[in-house]
Amino acid sequence: MTGVNAGDNENFESLLKRFNKRVHQAGILSEIRHGEFFEKPSVKRKRKEAAKKRKSARASANKSR
């Protein structure tokens, strides 16, 4: 469970911004979206392989700079 503690004199907007950042970093929303419907194991495997390819391509592009 993600949570944030309000500091002294901290306004609601900054508190909400910090909370949204932590939720995004934890990957909570992406987990919920993936759980909305059944995904066949073959589709899940292909999605993960595509993500690995994107990540390695990004790493090699950054390395060559």
N, C-alpha and C. Protein backbone atom coordinates (compact mmCIF):
# COMPACT_ATOMS: atom_id res chain seq x y z
N MET A 1 0.84 -1.17 0.00
CA MET A 1 0.00 0.00 0.00
C MET A 1 0.89 1.24 0.00
N THR A 2 0.65 2.11 -0.93
CA THR A 2 1.43 3.33 -1.05
C THR A 2 0.76 4.44 -0.26
N GLY A 3 1.55 5.20 0.44
CA GLY A 3 1.01 6.31 1.20
C GLY A 3 2.05 7.39 1.37
N VAL A 4 1.59 8.57 1.68
CA VAL A 4 2.48 9.70 1.94
C VAL A 4 2.02 10.40 3.21
N ASN A 5 2.96 10.96 3.92
CA ASN A 5 2.65 11.70 5.13
C ASN A 5 2.74 13.19 4.82
N ALA A 6 1.75 13.93 5.27
CA ALA A 6 1.72 15.36 5.02
C ALA A 6 2.69 16.07 5.96
N GLY A 7 3.49 16.96 5.38
CA GLY A 7 4.40 17.76 6.17
C GLY A 7 3.70 18.99 6.73
N ASP A 8 4.40 19.73 7.56
CA ASP A 8 3.84 20.97 8.11
C ASP A 8 3.64 21.98 6.99
N ASN A 9 2.47 22.58 6.96
CA ASN A 9 2.13 23.63 5.98
C ASN A 9 2.25 23.15 4.53
N GLU A 10 2.05 21.86 4.30
CA GLU A 10 2.12 21.34 2.92
C GLU A 10 0.72 21.38 2.33
N ASN A 11 0.61 21.95 1.13
CA ASN A 11 -0.71 22.05 0.53
C ASN A 11 -1.12 20.73 -0.13
N PHE A 12 -2.40 20.63 -0.42
CA PHE A 12 -2.95 19.39 -0.93
C PHE A 12 -2.39 19.03 -2.31
N GLU A 13 -2.15 20.04 -3.14
CA GLU A 13 -1.66 19.78 -4.50
C GLU A 13 -0.30 19.11 -4.48
N SER A 14 0.61 19.58 -3.66
CA SER A 14 1.95 18.97 -3.60
C SER A 14 1.87 17.57 -3.00
N LEU A 15 0.98 17.37 -2.05
CA LEU A 15 0.80 16.06 -1.45
C LEU A 15 0.26 15.07 -2.48
N LEU A 16 -0.71 15.51 -3.26
CA LEU A 16 -1.28 14.67 -4.31
C LEU A 16 -0.25 14.36 -5.39
N LYS A 17 0.56 15.34 -5.74
CA LYS A 17 1.60 15.14 -6.75
C LYS A 17 2.62 14.09 -6.28
N ARG A 18 3.02 14.18 -5.00
CA ARG A 18 3.96 13.20 -4.45
C ARG A 18 3.35 11.80 -4.41
N PHE A 19 2.07 11.72 -4.05
CA PHE A 19 1.38 10.43 -4.01
C PHE A 19 1.30 9.82 -5.41
N ASN A 20 0.92 10.61 -6.40
CA ASN A 20 0.83 10.10 -7.77
C ASN A 20 2.18 9.61 -8.27
N LYS A 21 3.25 10.31 -7.91
CA LYS A 21 4.59 9.91 -8.32
C LYS A 21 4.95 8.55 -7.72
N ARG A 22 4.64 8.36 -6.45
CA ARG A 22 4.94 7.07 -5.80
C ARG A 22 4.11 5.93 -6.38
N VAL A 23 2.86 6.19 -6.69
CA VAL A 23 2.00 5.17 -7.30
C VAL A 23 2.54 4.78 -8.66
N HIS A 24 2.98 5.77 -9.43
CA HIS A 24 3.53 5.50 -10.75
C HIS A 24 4.83 4.70 -10.65
N GLN A 25 5.70 5.06 -9.72
CA GLN A 25 6.97 4.36 -9.55
C GLN A 25 6.76 2.93 -9.08
N ALA A 26 5.74 2.70 -8.27
CA ALA A 26 5.47 1.36 -7.77
C ALA A 26 4.82 0.47 -8.83
N GLY A 27 4.29 1.08 -9.89
CA GLY A 27 3.68 0.31 -10.97
C GLY A 27 2.31 -0.24 -10.62
N ILE A 28 1.63 0.38 -9.71
CA ILE A 28 0.33 -0.12 -9.24
C ILE A 28 -0.71 -0.04 -10.35
N LEU A 29 -0.77 1.08 -11.06
CA LEU A 29 -1.78 1.23 -12.10
C LEU A 29 -1.57 0.26 -13.25
N SER A 30 -0.32 0.01 -13.63
CA SER A 30 -0.07 -0.92 -14.72
C SER A 30 -0.46 -2.35 -14.31
N GLU A 31 -0.25 -2.70 -13.04
CA GLU A 31 -0.67 -4.02 -12.57
C GLU A 31 -2.19 -4.16 -12.64
N ILE A 32 -2.90 -3.12 -12.27
CA ILE A 32 -4.36 -3.15 -12.30
C ILE A 32 -4.86 -3.28 -13.73
N ARG A 33 -4.24 -2.53 -14.65
CA ARG A 33 -4.66 -2.61 -16.05
C ARG A 33 -4.44 -3.99 -16.63
N HIS A 34 -3.33 -4.63 -16.26
CA HIS A 34 -3.05 -5.97 -16.78
C HIS A 34 -3.99 -7.01 -16.18
N GLY A 35 -4.57 -6.73 -15.03
CA GLY A 35 -5.47 -7.67 -14.39
C GLY A 35 -6.92 -7.47 -14.74
N GLU A 36 -7.24 -6.52 -15.62
CA GLU A 36 -8.64 -6.24 -15.94
C GLU A 36 -9.29 -7.37 -16.72
N PHE A 37 -8.53 -8.09 -17.53
CA PHE A 37 -9.08 -9.16 -18.34
C PHE A 37 -8.06 -10.27 -18.43
N PHE A 38 -8.52 -11.45 -18.81
CA PHE A 38 -7.62 -12.58 -18.92
C PHE A 38 -6.70 -12.41 -20.12
N GLU A 39 -5.45 -12.71 -19.90
CA GLU A 39 -4.47 -12.62 -20.97
C GLU A 39 -3.86 -14.01 -21.15
N LYS A 40 -3.91 -14.51 -22.37
CA LYS A 40 -3.38 -15.84 -22.62
C LYS A 40 -1.88 -15.85 -22.34
N PRO A 41 -1.38 -16.98 -21.88
CA PRO A 41 0.06 -17.05 -21.59
C PRO A 41 0.94 -16.71 -22.79
N SER A 42 0.52 -17.08 -23.99
CA SER A 42 1.32 -16.76 -25.17
C SER A 42 1.37 -15.25 -25.41
N VAL A 43 0.26 -14.57 -25.18
CA VAL A 43 0.21 -13.12 -25.37
C VAL A 43 1.07 -12.45 -24.30
N LYS A 44 0.99 -12.94 -23.07
CA LYS A 44 1.78 -12.39 -21.99
C LYS A 44 3.27 -12.55 -22.28
N ARG A 45 3.65 -13.72 -22.79
CA ARG A 45 5.06 -13.99 -23.11
C ARG A 45 5.54 -13.05 -24.22
N LYS A 46 4.71 -12.86 -25.26
CA LYS A 46 5.09 -11.98 -26.36
C LYS A 46 5.22 -10.53 -25.89
N ARG A 47 4.34 -10.11 -24.99
CA ARG A 47 4.40 -8.75 -24.48
C ARG A 47 5.68 -8.53 -23.68
N LYS A 48 6.04 -9.53 -22.86
CA LYS A 48 7.26 -9.41 -22.07
C LYS A 48 8.50 -9.43 -22.95
N GLU A 49 8.51 -10.25 -24.00
CA GLU A 49 9.65 -10.29 -24.92
C GLU A 49 9.79 -8.96 -25.65
N ALA A 50 8.67 -8.37 -26.06
CA ALA A 50 8.72 -7.08 -26.74
C ALA A 50 9.26 -6.00 -25.80
N ALA A 51 8.87 -6.07 -24.54
CA ALA A 51 9.37 -5.10 -23.57
C ALA A 51 10.87 -5.26 -23.37
N LYS A 52 11.35 -6.49 -23.33
CA LYS A 52 12.79 -6.73 -23.19
C LYS A 52 13.55 -6.20 -24.40
N LYS A 53 12.98 -6.39 -25.61
CA LYS A 53 13.63 -5.89 -26.82
C LYS A 53 13.71 -4.37 -26.80
N ARG A 54 12.60 -3.72 -26.39
CA ARG A 54 12.60 -2.27 -26.32
C ARG A 54 13.64 -1.77 -25.32
N LYS A 55 13.73 -2.46 -24.19
CA LYS A 55 14.66 -2.05 -23.15
C LYS A 55 16.10 -2.23 -23.61
N SER A 56 16.39 -3.35 -24.27
CA SER A 56 17.77 -3.57 -24.73
C SER A 56 18.13 -2.62 -25.87
N ALA A 57 17.17 -2.31 -26.74
CA ALA A 57 17.42 -1.36 -27.83
C ALA A 57 17.69 0.03 -27.26
N ARG A 58 16.95 0.40 -26.23
CA ARG A 58 17.16 1.70 -25.60
C ARG A 58 18.54 1.74 -24.93
N ALA A 59 18.93 0.64 -24.30
CA ALA A 59 20.22 0.59 -23.61
C ALA A 59 21.36 0.67 -24.63
N SER A 60 21.22 -0.04 -25.75
CA SER A 60 22.29 0.00 -26.74
C SER A 60 22.35 1.36 -27.43
N ALA A 61 21.21 2.02 -27.60
CA ALA A 61 21.20 3.35 -28.20
C ALA A 61 21.89 4.35 -27.27
N ASN A 62 21.66 4.23 -25.98
CA ASN A 62 22.30 5.11 -25.02
C ASN A 62 23.79 4.82 -24.90
N LYS A 63 24.16 3.56 -25.08
CA LYS A 63 25.55 3.15 -24.97
C LYS A 63 26.38 3.69 -26.13
N SER A 64 25.79 3.74 -27.32
CA SER A 64 26.53 4.16 -28.51
C SER A 64 26.74 5.67 -28.58
N ARG A 65 26.04 6.41 -27.74
CA ARG A 65 26.18 7.89 -27.76
C ARG A 65 27.47 8.33 -27.24
